[in-house]
Amino acid sequence: MLQNTHQQIETDRSRIPTRASLQNRLKALISLRNEEGDRAGVRRQPDGSFVLIQNHCPICAAATACSKLCDAELEAFRAILKEDEVIERTEHMLAGARRCVYRIRSA
């Protein structure tokens, strides 16, 4: 993982309440992402899972040249949220989607 990713994870972890519900931790994460230029949101799904939606990616141009940035973002989400959460990318701008979407559910 990139050094900046480690720093970002530690910064984000310190700003997200660890004992909060998954929904509240996701809301806090969305707030942090939006401070960094994302246009992100989170929605609860009927099955109890959540989708984190990024409608804008401030690093898209750089990620086009280095797709490892997207991998690092996914790993950061996994590290920031509790270990018992399963996070998978279901839509990806670099794969031609209009946005990036992550599905988050309890393991």
PDB file of N, CA and C in Angstrom:
ATOM      1  N   MET A   1       0.846  -1.175   0.000  1.00  0.00           N
ATOM      2  CA  MET A   1       0.000   0.000   0.000  1.00  0.00           C
ATOM      3  C   MET A   1       0.891   1.238   0.000  1.00  0.00           C
ATOM      4  N   LEU A   2       0.460   2.264  -0.681  1.00  0.00           N
ATOM      5  CA  LEU A   2       1.231   3.497  -0.779  1.00  0.00           C
ATOM      6  C   LEU A   2       1.330   4.204   0.567  1.00  0.00           C
ATOM      7  N   GLN A   3       2.443   4.892   0.801  1.00  0.00           N
ATOM      8  CA  GLN A   3       2.649   5.613   2.067  1.00  0.00           C
ATOM      9  C   GLN A   3       1.528   6.605   2.332  1.00  0.00           C
ATOM     10  N   ASN A   4       1.127   7.353   1.308  1.00  0.00           N
ATOM     11  CA  ASN A   4       0.038   8.315   1.489  1.00  0.00           C
ATOM     12  C   ASN A   4      -1.260   7.623   1.889  1.00  0.00           C
ATOM     13  N   THR A   5      -1.446   6.405   1.401  1.00  0.00           N
ATOM     14  CA  THR A   5      -2.635   5.644   1.765  1.00  0.00           C
ATOM     15  C   THR A   5      -2.618   5.327   3.254  1.00  0.00           C
ATOM     16  N   HIS A   6      -1.472   4.914   3.769  1.00  0.00           N
ATOM     17  CA  HIS A   6      -1.362   4.634   5.202  1.00  0.00           C
ATOM     18  C   HIS A   6      -1.689   5.879   6.025  1.00  0.00           C
ATOM     19  N   GLN A   7      -1.176   7.007   5.610  1.00  0.00           N
ATOM     20  CA  GLN A   7      -1.446   8.261   6.321  1.00  0.00           C
ATOM     21  C   GLN A   7      -2.928   8.604   6.257  1.00  0.00           C
ATOM     22  N   GLN A   8      -3.531   8.417   5.085  1.00  0.00           N
ATOM     23  CA  GLN A   8      -4.954   8.712   4.914  1.00  0.00           C
ATOM     24  C   GLN A   8      -5.799   7.803   5.798  1.00  0.00           C
ATOM     25  N   ILE A   9      -5.446   6.536   5.853  1.00  0.00           N
ATOM     26  CA  ILE A   9      -6.186   5.585   6.685  1.00  0.00           C
ATOM     27  C   ILE A   9      -6.139   6.020   8.147  1.00  0.00           C
ATOM     28  N   GLU A  10      -4.967   6.344   8.638  1.00  0.00           N
ATOM     29  CA  GLU A  10      -4.829   6.751  10.041  1.00  0.00           C
ATOM     30  C   GLU A  10      -5.610   8.037  10.323  1.00  0.00           C
ATOM     31  N   THR A  11      -5.551   8.984   9.410  1.00  0.00           N
ATOM     32  CA  THR A  11      -6.296  10.240   9.565  1.00  0.00           C
ATOM     33  C   THR A  11      -7.797   9.960   9.600  1.00  0.00           C
ATOM     34  N   ASP A  12      -8.274   9.162   8.635  1.00  0.00           N
ATOM     35  CA  ASP A  12      -9.704   8.857   8.566  1.00  0.00           C
ATOM     36  C   ASP A  12     -10.165   8.059   9.787  1.00  0.00           C
ATOM     37  N   ARG A  13      -9.388   7.075  10.196  1.00  0.00           N
ATOM     38  CA  ARG A  13      -9.752   6.280  11.382  1.00  0.00           C
ATOM     39  C   ARG A  13      -9.924   7.164  12.608  1.00  0.00           C
ATOM     40  N   SER A  14      -9.062   8.165  12.736  1.00  0.00           N
ATOM     41  CA  SER A  14      -9.139   9.035  13.912  1.00  0.00           C
ATOM     42  C   SER A  14     -10.388   9.914  13.891  1.00  0.00           C
ATOM     43  N   ARG A  15     -11.007  10.062  12.733  1.00  0.00           N
ATOM     44  CA  ARG A  15     -12.174  10.930  12.603  1.00  0.00           C
ATOM     45  C   ARG A  15     -13.497  10.169  12.490  1.00  0.00           C
ATOM     46  N   ILE A  16     -13.431   8.853  12.513  1.00  0.00           N
ATOM     47  CA  ILE A  16     -14.639   8.036  12.402  1.00  0.00           C
ATOM     48  C   ILE A  16     -14.839   7.287  13.717  1.00  0.00           C
ATOM     49  N   PRO A  17     -16.006   7.453  14.353  1.00  0.00           N
ATOM     50  CA  PRO A  17     -16.250   6.793  15.643  1.00  0.00           C
ATOM     51  C   PRO A  17     -16.274   5.269  15.482  1.00  0.00           C
ATOM     52  N   THR A  18     -15.344   4.589  16.135  1.00  0.00           N
ATOM     53  CA  THR A  18     -15.196   3.144  15.962  1.00  0.00           C
ATOM     54  C   THR A  18     -16.358   2.345  16.535  1.00  0.00           C
ATOM     55  N   ARG A  19     -17.019   2.868  17.541  1.00  0.00           N
ATOM     56  CA  ARG A  19     -18.116   2.124  18.169  1.00  0.00           C
ATOM     57  C   ARG A  19     -19.484   2.467  17.567  1.00  0.00           C
ATOM     58  N   ALA A  20     -19.504   3.302  16.552  1.00  0.00           N
ATOM     59  CA  ALA A  20     -20.761   3.687  15.914  1.00  0.00           C
ATOM     60  C   ALA A  20     -21.271   2.548  15.033  1.00  0.00           C
ATOM     61  N   SER A  21     -22.533   2.626  14.696  1.00  0.00           N
ATOM     62  CA  SER A  21     -23.112   1.637  13.782  1.00  0.00           C
ATOM     63  C   SER A  21     -22.433   1.756  12.412  1.00  0.00           C
ATOM     64  N   LEU A  22     -22.564   0.715  11.615  1.00  0.00           N
ATOM     65  CA  LEU A  22     -21.992   0.752  10.267  1.00  0.00           C
ATOM     66  C   LEU A  22     -22.547   1.936   9.488  1.00  0.00           C
ATOM     67  N   GLN A  23     -23.841   2.191   9.597  1.00  0.00           N
ATOM     68  CA  GLN A  23     -24.446   3.302   8.873  1.00  0.00           C
ATOM     69  C   GLN A  23     -23.812   4.634   9.286  1.00  0.00           C
ATOM     70  N   ASN A  24     -23.599   4.845  10.569  1.00  0.00           N
ATOM     71  CA  ASN A  24     -22.996   6.096  11.024  1.00  0.00           C
ATOM     72  C   ASN A  24     -21.524   6.196  10.651  1.00  0.00           C
ATOM     73  N   ARG A  25     -20.815   5.062  10.659  1.00  0.00           N
ATOM     74  CA  ARG A  25     -19.416   5.094  10.210  1.00  0.00           C
ATOM     75  C   ARG A  25     -19.337   5.421   8.723  1.00  0.00           C
ATOM     76  N   LEU A  26     -20.278   4.875   7.950  1.00  0.00           N
ATOM     77  CA  LEU A  26     -20.305   5.181   6.514  1.00  0.00           C
ATOM     78  C   LEU A  26     -20.636   6.650   6.265  1.00  0.00           C
ATOM     79  N   LYS A  27     -21.573   7.195   7.028  1.00  0.00           N
ATOM     80  CA  LYS A  27     -21.891   8.619   6.893  1.00  0.00           C
ATOM     81  C   LYS A  27     -20.669   9.475   7.189  1.00  0.00           C
ATOM     82  N   ALA A  28     -19.908   9.117   8.218  1.00  0.00           N
ATOM     83  CA  ALA A  28     -18.689   9.854   8.551  1.00  0.00           C
ATOM     84  C   ALA A  28     -17.660   9.719   7.430  1.00  0.00           C
ATOM     85  N   LEU A  29     -17.519   8.518   6.882  1.00  0.00           N
ATOM     86  CA  LEU A  29     -16.582   8.302   5.774  1.00  0.00           C
ATOM     87  C   LEU A  29     -16.989   9.122   4.555  1.00  0.00           C
ATOM     88  N   ILE A  30     -18.274   9.161   4.251  1.00  0.00           N
ATOM     89  CA  ILE A  30     -18.770   9.953   3.116  1.00  0.00           C
ATOM     90  C   ILE A  30     -18.450  11.426   3.326  1.00  0.00           C
ATOM     91  N   SER A  31     -18.652  11.904   4.524  1.00  0.00           N
ATOM     92  CA  SER A  31     -18.337  13.294   4.834  1.00  0.00           C
ATOM     93  C   SER A  31     -16.866  13.593   4.562  1.00  0.00           C
ATOM     94  N   LEU A  32     -15.982  12.689   4.984  1.00  0.00           N
ATOM     95  CA  LEU A  32     -14.549  12.863   4.738  1.00  0.00           C
ATOM     96  C   LEU A  32     -14.239  12.839   3.247  1.00  0.00           C
ATOM     97  N   ARG A  33     -14.843  11.901   2.522  1.00  0.00           N
ATOM     98  CA  ARG A  33     -14.606  11.814   1.075  1.00  0.00           C
ATOM     99  C   ARG A  33     -15.072  13.091   0.378  1.00  0.00           C
ATOM    100  N   ASN A  34     -16.214  13.620   0.796  1.00  0.00           N
ATOM    101  CA  ASN A  34     -16.732  14.833   0.156  1.00  0.00           C
ATOM    102  C   ASN A  34     -15.845  16.039   0.442  1.00  0.00           C
ATOM    103  N   GLU A  35     -15.208  16.060   1.615  1.00  0.00           N
ATOM    104  CA  GLU A  35     -14.240  17.128   1.907  1.00  0.00           C
ATOM    105  C   GLU A  35     -13.076  17.094   0.934  1.00  0.00           C
ATOM    106  N   GLU A  36     -12.775  15.914   0.383  1.00  0.00           N
ATOM    107  CA  GLU A  36     -11.653  15.737  -0.522  1.00  0.00           C
ATOM    108  C   GLU A  36     -12.040  15.876  -1.989  1.00  0.00           C
ATOM    109  N   GLY A  37     -13.287  16.215  -2.263  1.00  0.00           N
ATOM    110  CA  GLY A  37     -13.697  16.463  -3.636  1.00  0.00           C
ATOM    111  C   GLY A  37     -14.609  15.424  -4.251  1.00  0.00           C
ATOM    112  N   ASP A  38     -14.872  14.336  -3.555  1.00  0.00           N
ATOM    113  CA  ASP A  38     -15.838  13.366  -4.071  1.00  0.00           C
ATOM    114  C   ASP A  38     -17.230  13.976  -3.995  1.00  0.00           C
ATOM    115  N   ARG A  39     -18.114  13.477  -4.810  1.00  0.00           N
ATOM    116  CA  ARG A  39     -19.544  13.740  -4.646  1.00  0.00           C
ATOM    117  C   ARG A  39     -20.125  12.376  -4.323  1.00  0.00           C
ATOM    118  N   ALA A  40     -20.094  12.047  -3.053  1.00  0.00           N
ATOM    119  CA  ALA A  40     -20.414  10.688  -2.625  1.00  0.00           C
ATOM    120  C   ALA A  40     -21.649  10.654  -1.744  1.00  0.00           C
ATOM    121  N   GLY A  41     -22.244   9.497  -1.675  1.00  0.00           N
ATOM    122  CA  GLY A  41     -23.397   9.277  -0.820  1.00  0.00           C
ATOM    123  C   GLY A  41     -23.459   7.812  -0.427  1.00  0.00           C
ATOM    124  N   VAL A  42     -24.335   7.514   0.496  1.00  0.00           N
ATOM    125  CA  VAL A  42     -24.509   6.132   0.943  1.00  0.00           C
ATOM    126  C   VAL A  42     -26.003   5.849   1.025  1.00  0.00           C
ATOM    127  N   ARG A  43     -26.381   4.638   0.627  1.00  0.00           N
ATOM    128  CA  ARG A  43     -27.780   4.224   0.691  1.00  0.00           C
ATOM    129  C   ARG A  43     -27.877   2.838   1.299  1.00  0.00           C
ATOM    130  N   ARG A  44     -28.866   2.676   2.164  1.00  0.00           N
ATOM    131  CA  ARG A  44     -29.143   1.347   2.741  1.00  0.00           C
ATOM    132  C   ARG A  44     -29.974   0.562   1.723  1.00  0.00           C
ATOM    133  N   GLN A  45     -29.657  -0.694   1.557  1.00  0.00           N
ATOM    134  CA  GLN A  45     -30.360  -1.560   0.623  1.00  0.00           C
ATOM    135  C   GLN A  45     -31.383  -2.422   1.368  1.00  0.00           C
ATOM    136  N   PRO A  46     -32.389  -2.933   0.674  1.00  0.00           N
ATOM    137  CA  PRO A  46     -33.415  -3.752   1.336  1.00  0.00           C
ATOM    138  C   PRO A  46     -32.853  -4.957   2.084  1.00  0.00           C
ATOM    139  N   ASP A  47     -31.716  -5.493   1.630  1.00  0.00           N
ATOM    140  CA  ASP A  47     -31.141  -6.665   2.295  1.00  0.00           C
ATOM    141  C   ASP A  47     -30.291  -6.301   3.513  1.00  0.00           C
ATOM    142  N   GLY A  48     -30.241  -5.000   3.868  1.00  0.00           N
ATOM    143  CA  GLY A  48     -29.478  -4.553   5.025  1.00  0.00           C
ATOM    144  C   GLY A  48     -28.058  -4.111   4.695  1.00  0.00           C
ATOM    145  N   SER A  49     -27.612  -4.368   3.473  1.00  0.00           N
ATOM    146  CA  SER A  49     -26.296  -3.900   3.064  1.00  0.00           C
ATOM    147  C   SER A  49     -26.390  -2.412   2.708  1.00  0.00           C
ATOM    148  N   PHE A  50     -25.251  -1.822   2.399  1.00  0.00           N
ATOM    149  CA  PHE A  50     -25.193  -0.423   1.998  1.00  0.00           C
ATOM    150  C   PHE A  50     -24.445  -0.318   0.682  1.00  0.00           C
ATOM    151  N   VAL A  51     -24.746   0.732  -0.067  1.00  0.00           N
ATOM    152  CA  VAL A  51     -23.921   1.060  -1.222  1.00  0.00           C
ATOM    153  C   VAL A  51     -23.345   2.448  -1.010  1.00  0.00           C
ATOM    154  N   LEU A  52     -22.049   2.535  -1.214  1.00  0.00           N
ATOM    155  CA  LEU A  52     -21.333   3.805  -1.173  1.00  0.00           C
ATOM    156  C   LEU A  52     -21.138   4.199  -2.626  1.00  0.00           C
ATOM    157  N   ILE A  53     -21.668   5.364  -2.997  1.00  0.00           N
ATOM    158  CA  ILE A  53     -21.660   5.802  -4.391  1.00  0.00           C
ATOM    159  C   ILE A  53     -20.778   7.030  -4.529  1.00  0.00           C
ATOM    160  N   GLN A  54     -19.828   6.960  -5.446  1.00  0.00           N
ATOM    161  CA  GLN A  54     -18.967   8.095  -5.763  1.00  0.00           C
ATOM    162  C   GLN A  54     -19.310   8.555  -7.171  1.00  0.00           C
ATOM    163  N   ASN A  55     -19.935   9.720  -7.275  1.00  0.00           N
ATOM    164  CA  ASN A  55     -20.340  10.246  -8.569  1.00  0.00           C
ATOM    165  C   ASN A  55     -19.250  11.072  -9.239  1.00  0.00           C
ATOM    166  N   HIS A  56     -18.222  11.378  -8.509  1.00  0.00           N
ATOM    167  CA  HIS A  56     -17.092  12.138  -9.039  1.00  0.00           C
ATOM    168  C   HIS A  56     -15.832  11.606  -8.376  1.00  0.00           C
ATOM    169  N   CYS A  57     -14.797  11.470  -9.151  1.00  0.00           N
ATOM    170  CA  CYS A  57     -13.544  10.973  -8.600  1.00  0.00           C
ATOM    171  C   CYS A  57     -12.452  12.013  -8.829  1.00  0.00           C
ATOM    172  N   PRO A  58     -11.981  12.637  -7.752  1.00  0.00           N
ATOM    173  CA  PRO A  58     -10.959  13.666  -7.918  1.00  0.00           C
ATOM    174  C   PRO A  58      -9.610  13.114  -8.385  1.00  0.00           C
ATOM    175  N   ILE A  59      -9.432  11.784  -8.327  1.00  0.00           N
ATOM    176  CA  ILE A  59      -8.163  11.210  -8.766  1.00  0.00           C
ATOM    177  C   ILE A  59      -8.298  10.420 -10.067  1.00  0.00           C
ATOM    178  N   CYS A  60      -9.396  10.581 -10.783  1.00  0.00           N
ATOM    179  CA  CYS A  60      -9.674   9.759 -11.962  1.00  0.00           C
ATOM    180  C   CYS A  60      -8.565   9.858 -13.013  1.00  0.00           C
ATOM    181  N   ALA A  61      -8.093  11.055 -13.295  1.00  0.00           N
ATOM    182  CA  ALA A  61      -7.041  11.207 -14.306  1.00  0.00           C
ATOM    183  C   ALA A  61      -5.782  10.462 -13.883  1.00  0.00           C
ATOM    184  N   ALA A  62      -5.405  10.604 -12.632  1.00  0.00           N
ATOM    185  CA  ALA A  62      -4.215   9.905 -12.131  1.00  0.00           C
ATOM    186  C   ALA A  62      -4.455   8.396 -12.102  1.00  0.00           C
ATOM    187  N   ALA A  63      -5.661   7.990 -11.728  1.00  0.00           N
ATOM    188  CA  ALA A  63      -5.975   6.560 -11.652  1.00  0.00           C
ATOM    189  C   ALA A  63      -5.972   5.922 -13.034  1.00  0.00           C
ATOM    190  N   THR A  64      -6.298   6.690 -14.055  1.00  0.00           N
ATOM    191  CA  THR A  64      -6.243   6.175 -15.418  1.00  0.00           C
ATOM    192  C   THR A  64      -4.817   5.763 -15.768  1.00  0.00           C
ATOM    193  N   ALA A  65      -3.855   6.547 -15.303  1.00  0.00           N
ATOM    194  CA  ALA A  65      -2.444   6.242 -15.550  1.00  0.00           C
ATOM    195  C   ALA A  65      -1.913   5.184 -14.582  1.00  0.00           C
ATOM    196  N   CYS A  66      -2.508   5.102 -13.387  1.00  0.00           N
ATOM    197  CA  CYS A  66      -2.029   4.161 -12.367  1.00  0.00           C
ATOM    198  C   CYS A  66      -3.224   3.566 -11.631  1.00  0.00           C
ATOM    199  N   SER A  67      -3.721   2.428 -12.126  1.00  0.00           N
ATOM    200  CA  SER A  67      -4.926   1.828 -11.550  1.00  0.00           C
ATOM    201  C   SER A  67      -4.714   1.357 -10.108  1.00  0.00           C
ATOM    202  N   LYS A  68      -3.473   1.286  -9.666  1.00  0.00           N
ATOM    203  CA  LYS A  68      -3.205   0.901  -8.274  1.00  0.00           C
ATOM    204  C   LYS A  68      -3.802   1.909  -7.299  1.00  0.00           C
ATOM    205  N   LEU A  69      -4.047   3.140  -7.754  1.00  0.00           N
ATOM    206  CA  LEU A  69      -4.693   4.135  -6.889  1.00  0.00           C
ATOM    207  C   LEU A  69      -6.099   3.678  -6.510  1.00  0.00           C
ATOM    208  N   CYS A  70      -6.812   3.088  -7.453  1.00  0.00           N
ATOM    209  CA  CYS A  70      -8.154   2.581  -7.164  1.00  0.00           C
ATOM    210  C   CYS A  70      -8.087   1.389  -6.215  1.00  0.00           C
ATOM    211  N   ASP A  71      -7.104   0.523  -6.424  1.00  0.00           N
ATOM    212  CA  ASP A  71      -6.921  -0.608  -5.518  1.00  0.00           C
ATOM    213  C   ASP A  71      -6.629  -0.110  -4.108  1.00  0.00           C
ATOM    214  N   ALA A  72      -5.810   0.936  -4.019  1.00  0.00           N
ATOM    215  CA  ALA A  72      -5.463   1.503  -2.709  1.00  0.00           C
ATOM    216  C   ALA A  72      -6.691   2.101  -2.036  1.00  0.00           C
ATOM    217  N   GLU A  73      -7.574   2.719  -2.817  1.00  0.00           N
ATOM    218  CA  GLU A  73      -8.790   3.285  -2.236  1.00  0.00           C
ATOM    219  C   GLU A  73      -9.672   2.178  -1.658  1.00  0.00           C
ATOM    220  N   LEU A  74      -9.838   1.101  -2.385  1.00  0.00           N
ATOM    221  CA  LEU A  74     -10.643  -0.020  -1.892  1.00  0.00           C
ATOM    222  C   LEU A  74     -10.028  -0.594  -0.618  1.00  0.00           C
ATOM    223  N   GLU A  75      -8.731  -0.773  -0.596  1.00  0.00           N
ATOM    224  CA  GLU A  75      -8.061  -1.274   0.599  1.00  0.00           C
ATOM    225  C   GLU A  75      -8.195  -0.295   1.764  1.00  0.00           C
ATOM    226  N   ALA A  76      -8.174   1.002   1.462  1.00  0.00           N
ATOM    227  CA  ALA A  76      -8.354   2.012   2.511  1.00  0.00           C
ATOM    228  C   ALA A  76      -9.746   1.902   3.122  1.00  0.00           C
ATOM    229  N   PHE A  77     -10.774   1.743   2.286  1.00  0.00           N
ATOM    230  CA  PHE A  77     -12.133   1.577   2.809  1.00  0.00           C
ATOM    231  C   PHE A  77     -12.196   0.355   3.722  1.00  0.00           C
ATOM    232  N   ARG A  78     -11.569  -0.722   3.295  1.00  0.00           N
ATOM    233  CA  ARG A  78     -11.569  -1.948   4.108  1.00  0.00           C
ATOM    234  C   ARG A  78     -10.848  -1.736   5.430  1.00  0.00           C
ATOM    235  N   ALA A  79      -9.761  -0.999   5.405  1.00  0.00           N
ATOM    236  CA  ALA A  79      -8.978  -0.766   6.626  1.00  0.00           C
ATOM    237  C   ALA A  79      -9.671   0.216   7.564  1.00  0.00           C
ATOM    238  N   ILE A  80     -10.370   1.187   7.019  1.00  0.00           N
ATOM    239  CA  ILE A  80     -11.016   2.217   7.834  1.00  0.00           C
ATOM    240  C   ILE A  80     -12.248   1.656   8.543  1.00  0.00           C
ATOM    241  N   LEU A  81     -13.016   0.843   7.841  1.00  0.00           N
ATOM    242  CA  LEU A  81     -14.210   0.255   8.439  1.00  0.00           C
ATOM    243  C   LEU A  81     -13.807  -0.998   9.205  1.00  0.00           C
ATOM    244  N   LYS A  82     -14.711  -1.514   9.999  1.00  0.00           N
ATOM    245  CA  LYS A  82     -14.394  -2.697  10.816  1.00  0.00           C
ATOM    246  C   LYS A  82     -14.016  -3.884   9.939  1.00  0.00           C
ATOM    247  N   GLU A  83     -13.216  -4.749  10.497  1.00  0.00           N
ATOM    248  CA  GLU A  83     -12.753  -5.928   9.772  1.00  0.00           C
ATOM    249  C   GLU A  83     -13.878  -6.904   9.440  1.00  0.00           C
ATOM    250  N   ASP A  84     -15.008  -6.809  10.133  1.00  0.00           N
ATOM    251  CA  ASP A  84     -16.089  -7.749   9.864  1.00  0.00           C
ATOM    252  C   ASP A  84     -17.046  -7.253   8.780  1.00  0.00           C
ATOM    253  N   GLU A  85     -16.608  -6.256   8.009  1.00  0.00           N
ATOM    254  CA  GLU A  85     -17.403  -5.762   6.893  1.00  0.00           C
ATOM    255  C   GLU A  85     -16.803  -6.279   5.588  1.00  0.00           C
ATOM    256  N   VAL A  86     -17.657  -6.673   4.658  1.00  0.00           N
ATOM    257  CA  VAL A  86     -17.226  -7.110   3.338  1.00  0.00           C
ATOM    258  C   VAL A  86     -17.492  -5.946   2.390  1.00  0.00           C
ATOM    259  N   ILE A  87     -16.463  -5.516   1.688  1.00  0.00           N
ATOM    260  CA  ILE A  87     -16.582  -4.383   0.771  1.00  0.00           C
ATOM    261  C   ILE A  87     -16.135  -4.846  -0.607  1.00  0.00           C
ATOM    262  N   GLU A  88     -17.016  -4.639  -1.588  1.00  0.00           N
ATOM    263  CA  GLU A  88     -16.671  -5.001  -2.953  1.00  0.00           C
ATOM    264  C   GLU A  88     -17.080  -3.883  -3.901  1.00  0.00           C
ATOM    265  N   ARG A  89     -16.261  -3.645  -4.894  1.00  0.00           N
ATOM    266  CA  ARG A  89     -16.582  -2.635  -5.901  1.00  0.00           C
ATOM    267  C   ARG A  89     -17.506  -3.287  -6.917  1.00  0.00           C
ATOM    268  N   THR A  90     -18.660  -2.658  -7.166  1.00  0.00           N
ATOM    269  CA  THR A  90     -19.625  -3.211  -8.116  1.00  0.00           C
ATOM    270  C   THR A  90     -19.715  -2.400  -9.402  1.00  0.00           C
ATOM    271  N   GLU A  91     -19.288  -1.145  -9.365  1.00  0.00           N
ATOM    272  CA  GLU A  91     -19.199  -0.304 -10.560  1.00  0.00           C
ATOM    273  C   GLU A  91     -17.884   0.453 -10.466  1.00  0.00           C
ATOM    274  N   HIS A  92     -17.242   0.675 -11.629  1.00  0.00           N
ATOM    275  CA  HIS A  92     -15.919   1.285 -11.616  1.00  0.00           C
ATOM    276  C   HIS A  92     -15.768   2.198 -12.827  1.00  0.00           C
ATOM    277  N   MET A  93     -15.462   3.458 -12.576  1.00  0.00           N
ATOM    278  CA  MET A  93     -15.297   4.421 -13.663  1.00  0.00           C
ATOM    279  C   MET A  93     -14.243   3.971 -14.671  1.00  0.00           C
ATOM    280  N   LEU A  94     -13.149   3.426 -14.171  1.00  0.00           N
ATOM    281  CA  LEU A  94     -12.076   3.013 -15.084  1.00  0.00           C
ATOM    282  C   LEU A  94     -12.478   1.843 -15.968  1.00  0.00           C
ATOM    283  N   ALA A  95     -13.555   1.152 -15.591  1.00  0.00           N
ATOM    284  CA  ALA A  95     -14.068   0.052 -16.405  1.00  0.00           C
ATOM    285  C   ALA A  95     -15.207   0.520 -17.304  1.00  0.00           C
ATOM    286  N   GLY A  96     -15.439   1.842 -17.344  1.00  0.00           N
ATOM    287  CA  GLY A  96     -16.465   2.394 -18.223  1.00  0.00           C
ATOM    288  C   GLY A  96     -17.766   2.785 -17.550  1.00  0.00           C
ATOM    289  N   ALA A  97     -17.891   2.550 -16.261  1.00  0.00           N
ATOM    290  CA  ALA A  97     -19.108   2.950 -15.545  1.00  0.00           C
ATOM    291  C   ALA A  97     -19.122   4.472 -15.362  1.00  0.00           C
ATOM    292  N   ARG A  98     -20.277   5.031 -15.122  1.00  0.00           N
ATOM    293  CA  ARG A  98     -20.375   6.484 -14.942  1.00  0.00           C
ATOM    294  C   ARG A  98     -20.025   6.924 -13.527  1.00  0.00           C
ATOM    295  N   ARG A  99     -19.844   5.938 -12.625  1.00  0.00           N
ATOM    296  CA  ARG A  99     -19.517   6.225 -11.230  1.00  0.00           C
ATOM    297  C   ARG A  99     -18.836   4.999 -10.625  1.00  0.00           C
ATOM    298  N   CYS A 100     -18.300   5.158  -9.433  1.00  0.00           N
ATOM    299  CA  CYS A 100     -17.776   4.016  -8.682  1.00  0.00           C
ATOM    300  C   CYS A 100     -18.757   3.713  -7.558  1.00  0.00           C
ATOM    301  N   VAL A 101     -19.065   2.452  -7.395  1.00  0.00           N
ATOM    302  CA  VAL A 101     -20.006   2.015  -6.368  1.00  0.00           C
ATOM    303  C   VAL A 101     -19.386   0.852  -5.612  1.00  0.00           C
ATOM    304  N   TYR A 102     -19.522   0.904  -4.295  1.00  0.00           N
ATOM    305  CA  TYR A 102     -19.018  -0.154  -3.431  1.00  0.00           C
ATOM    306  C   TYR A 102     -20.200  -0.702  -2.627  1.00  0.00           C
ATOM    307  N   ARG A 103     -20.313  -2.014  -2.554  1.00  0.00           N
ATOM    308  CA  ARG A 103     -21.334  -2.651  -1.713  1.00  0.00           C
ATOM    309  C   ARG A 103     -20.666  -3.047  -0.416  1.00  0.00           C
ATOM    310  N   ILE A 104     -21.293  -2.678   0.694  1.00  0.00           N
ATOM    311  CA  ILE A 104     -20.738  -2.957   2.019  1.00  0.00           C
ATOM    312  C   ILE A 104     -21.777  -3.742   2.809  1.00  0.00           C
ATOM    313  N   ARG A 105     -21.340  -4.873   3.344  1.00  0.00           N
ATOM    314  CA  ARG A 105     -22.246  -5.691   4.161  1.00  0.00           C
ATOM    315  C   ARG A 105     -21.456  -6.347   5.280  1.00  0.00           C
ATOM    316  N   SER A 106     -22.152  -6.727   6.329  1.00  0.00           N
ATOM    317  CA  SER A 106     -21.519  -7.447   7.420  1.00  0.00           C
ATOM    318  C   SER A 106     -21.145  -8.841   6.962  1.00  0.00           C
ATOM    319  N   ALA A 107     -20.005  -9.305   7.423  1.00  0.00           N
ATOM    320  CA  ALA A 107     -19.526 -10.648   7.018  1.00  0.00           C
ATOM    321  C   ALA A 107     -20.375 -11.731   7.623  1.00  0.00           C
TER     322      ALA A 107
END
